[in-house]
Amino acid sequence: MRKRFIPLVLVGFAVFIFIGGEVVKWLWNWLAPPLFGLPLLSFWQALALLALCRILFGGFGMHGGGHRVDRGRVVDRITERMADRFAERWQVMTPEQRERFRERVRDRCGFDPAAGESKPQ
């Protein structure tokens, strides 16, 4: 059973790669030359482009080993620190400083942070 499975996996992998290269070639040759005046791609160039994009943007599917940073937690920590710093600064502001801050936000962003409403345009 196992000896029959290995050739099927290899054939499936080859078909998957062939389809991926053909799809990239078709899409590139359909869009890039008319839009940007770029040259047509051959199958092998499309396959190389697919591999390059996979390397640059997708990695190789190896997400284990602790090599990857959980960006969600990093962003949460940064946002939390910014909110804490803002709250500390807000507490030491005088009412006049708070009103000036609200006016600047209103002028720059088009809404009142205290009221949460948009200014008419």
Protein backbone atom coordinates (compact mmCIF):
# COMPACT_ATOMS: atom_id res chain seq x y z
CA MET A 1 0.00 0.00 0.00
CA ARG A 2 2.74 2.46 0.97
CA LYS A 3 4.73 1.77 -2.20
CA ARG A 4 1.73 2.76 -4.34
CA PHE A 5 1.14 5.91 -2.32
CA ILE A 6 4.57 7.49 -2.91
CA PRO A 7 4.29 7.69 -6.74
CA LEU A 8 0.80 9.15 -6.40
CA VAL A 9 2.12 11.86 -4.09
CA LEU A 10 4.96 12.66 -6.51
CA VAL A 11 2.58 12.84 -9.48
CA GLY A 12 0.17 15.00 -7.47
CA PHE A 13 3.01 17.33 -6.49
CA ALA A 14 4.17 17.63 -10.11
CA VAL A 15 0.60 18.36 -11.29
CA PHE A 16 0.20 20.96 -8.54
CA ILE A 17 3.44 22.70 -9.58
CA PHE A 18 2.48 22.54 -13.27
CA ILE A 19 -0.95 24.05 -12.60
CA GLY A 20 0.59 26.79 -10.43
CA GLY A 21 3.10 27.71 -13.15
CA GLU A 22 0.43 27.72 -15.84
CA VAL A 23 -1.90 29.89 -13.78
CA VAL A 24 0.86 32.43 -13.07
CA LYS A 25 1.87 32.41 -16.76
CA TRP A 26 -1.71 32.87 -17.91
CA LEU A 27 -2.44 35.67 -15.45
CA TRP A 28 0.82 37.48 -16.17
CA ASN A 29 0.45 37.21 -19.94
CA TRP A 30 -3.15 38.35 -19.69
CA LEU A 31 -2.54 41.38 -17.42
CA ALA A 32 1.06 42.62 -17.40
CA PRO A 33 1.77 43.21 -21.13
CA PRO A 34 -1.39 45.20 -21.91
CA LEU A 35 -1.33 47.19 -18.66
CA PHE A 36 2.38 47.89 -18.20
CA GLY A 37 4.02 46.92 -21.49
CA LEU A 38 5.98 44.08 -19.88
CA PRO A 39 7.14 41.05 -21.89
CA LEU A 40 5.31 37.72 -22.02
CA LEU A 41 6.50 34.95 -19.71
CA SER A 42 7.35 31.37 -20.54
CA PHE A 43 6.25 28.52 -18.27
CA TRP A 44 9.68 28.32 -16.63
CA GLN A 45 9.81 32.06 -16.01
CA ALA A 46 6.34 31.92 -14.47
CA LEU A 47 7.41 29.02 -12.26
CA ALA A 48 10.50 30.98 -11.15
CA LEU A 49 8.33 34.02 -10.43
CA LEU A 50 5.97 31.86 -8.38
CA ALA A 51 8.92 30.46 -6.41
CA LEU A 52 10.36 33.95 -5.87
CA CYS A 53 7.02 35.25 -4.56
CA ARG A 54 6.73 32.24 -2.29
CA ILE A 55 10.20 32.90 -0.89
CA LEU A 56 9.67 36.65 -0.43
CA PHE A 57 6.09 36.68 0.80
CA GLY A 58 5.00 33.21 1.84
CA GLY A 59 7.90 31.39 3.39
CA PHE A 60 8.01 27.63 3.05
CA GLY A 61 5.20 26.63 5.36
CA MET A 62 7.52 25.94 8.31
CA HIS A 63 5.81 27.88 11.04
CA GLY A 64 7.09 25.93 14.02
CA GLY A 65 10.21 26.23 16.08
CA GLY A 66 9.51 29.63 17.57
CA HIS A 67 11.13 31.51 14.71
CA ARG A 68 8.05 33.50 13.92
CA VAL A 69 6.97 36.54 15.93
CA ASP A 70 3.31 36.76 16.89
CA ARG A 71 2.64 40.20 15.49
CA GLY A 72 -0.81 40.42 17.02
CA ARG A 73 0.62 40.33 20.53
CA VAL A 74 3.34 42.83 19.64
CA VAL A 75 0.77 45.26 18.24
CA ASP A 76 -1.43 44.76 21.31
CA ARG A 77 1.47 45.59 23.62
CA ILE A 78 2.41 48.70 21.63
CA THR A 79 -1.21 49.88 21.54
CA GLU A 80 -1.55 49.24 25.26
CA ARG A 81 1.59 51.25 26.02
CA MET A 82 0.41 54.13 23.85
CA ALA A 83 -2.98 54.15 25.59
CA ASP A 84 -1.30 54.10 29.00
CA ARG A 85 0.99 57.00 28.07
CA PHE A 86 -1.96 58.99 26.71
CA ALA A 87 -4.00 58.35 29.88
CA GLU A 88 -1.10 59.50 32.05
CA ARG A 89 -0.68 62.68 30.02
CA TRP A 90 -4.44 63.32 29.99
CA GLN A 91 -4.55 63.12 33.81
CA VAL A 92 -1.96 65.88 34.23
CA MET A 93 -3.54 68.24 31.66
CA THR A 94 -5.46 71.26 32.80
CA PRO A 95 -9.03 71.74 31.48
CA GLU A 96 -7.70 74.44 29.12
CA GLN A 97 -5.05 72.09 27.73
CA ARG A 98 -7.67 69.37 27.26
CA GLU A 99 -9.93 71.77 25.35
CA ARG A 100 -7.02 72.90 23.14
CA PHE A 101 -6.23 69.25 22.44
CA ARG A 102 -9.87 68.58 21.49
CA GLU A 103 -9.85 71.60 19.16
CA ARG A 104 -6.68 70.39 17.42
CA VAL A 105 -8.18 66.92 16.95
CA ARG A 106 -11.40 68.49 15.67
CA ASP A 107 -9.47 70.65 13.18
CA ARG A 108 -7.17 67.89 11.95
CA CYS A 109 -9.47 64.87 11.99
CA GLY A 110 -12.92 66.34 11.55
CA PHE A 111 -14.54 65.03 14.72
CA ASP A 112 -14.82 65.85 18.40
CA PRO A 113 -13.20 63.12 20.51
CA ALA A 114 -15.43 63.98 23.47
CA ALA A 115 -18.71 63.97 21.52
CA GLY A 116 -17.74 61.35 18.93
CA GLU A 117 -19.54 63.24 16.15
CA SER A 118 -18.37 64.46 12.74
CA LYS A 119 -18.26 68.12 11.83
CA PRO A 120 -20.53 69.22 8.98
CA GLN A 121 -18.85 69.60 5.59
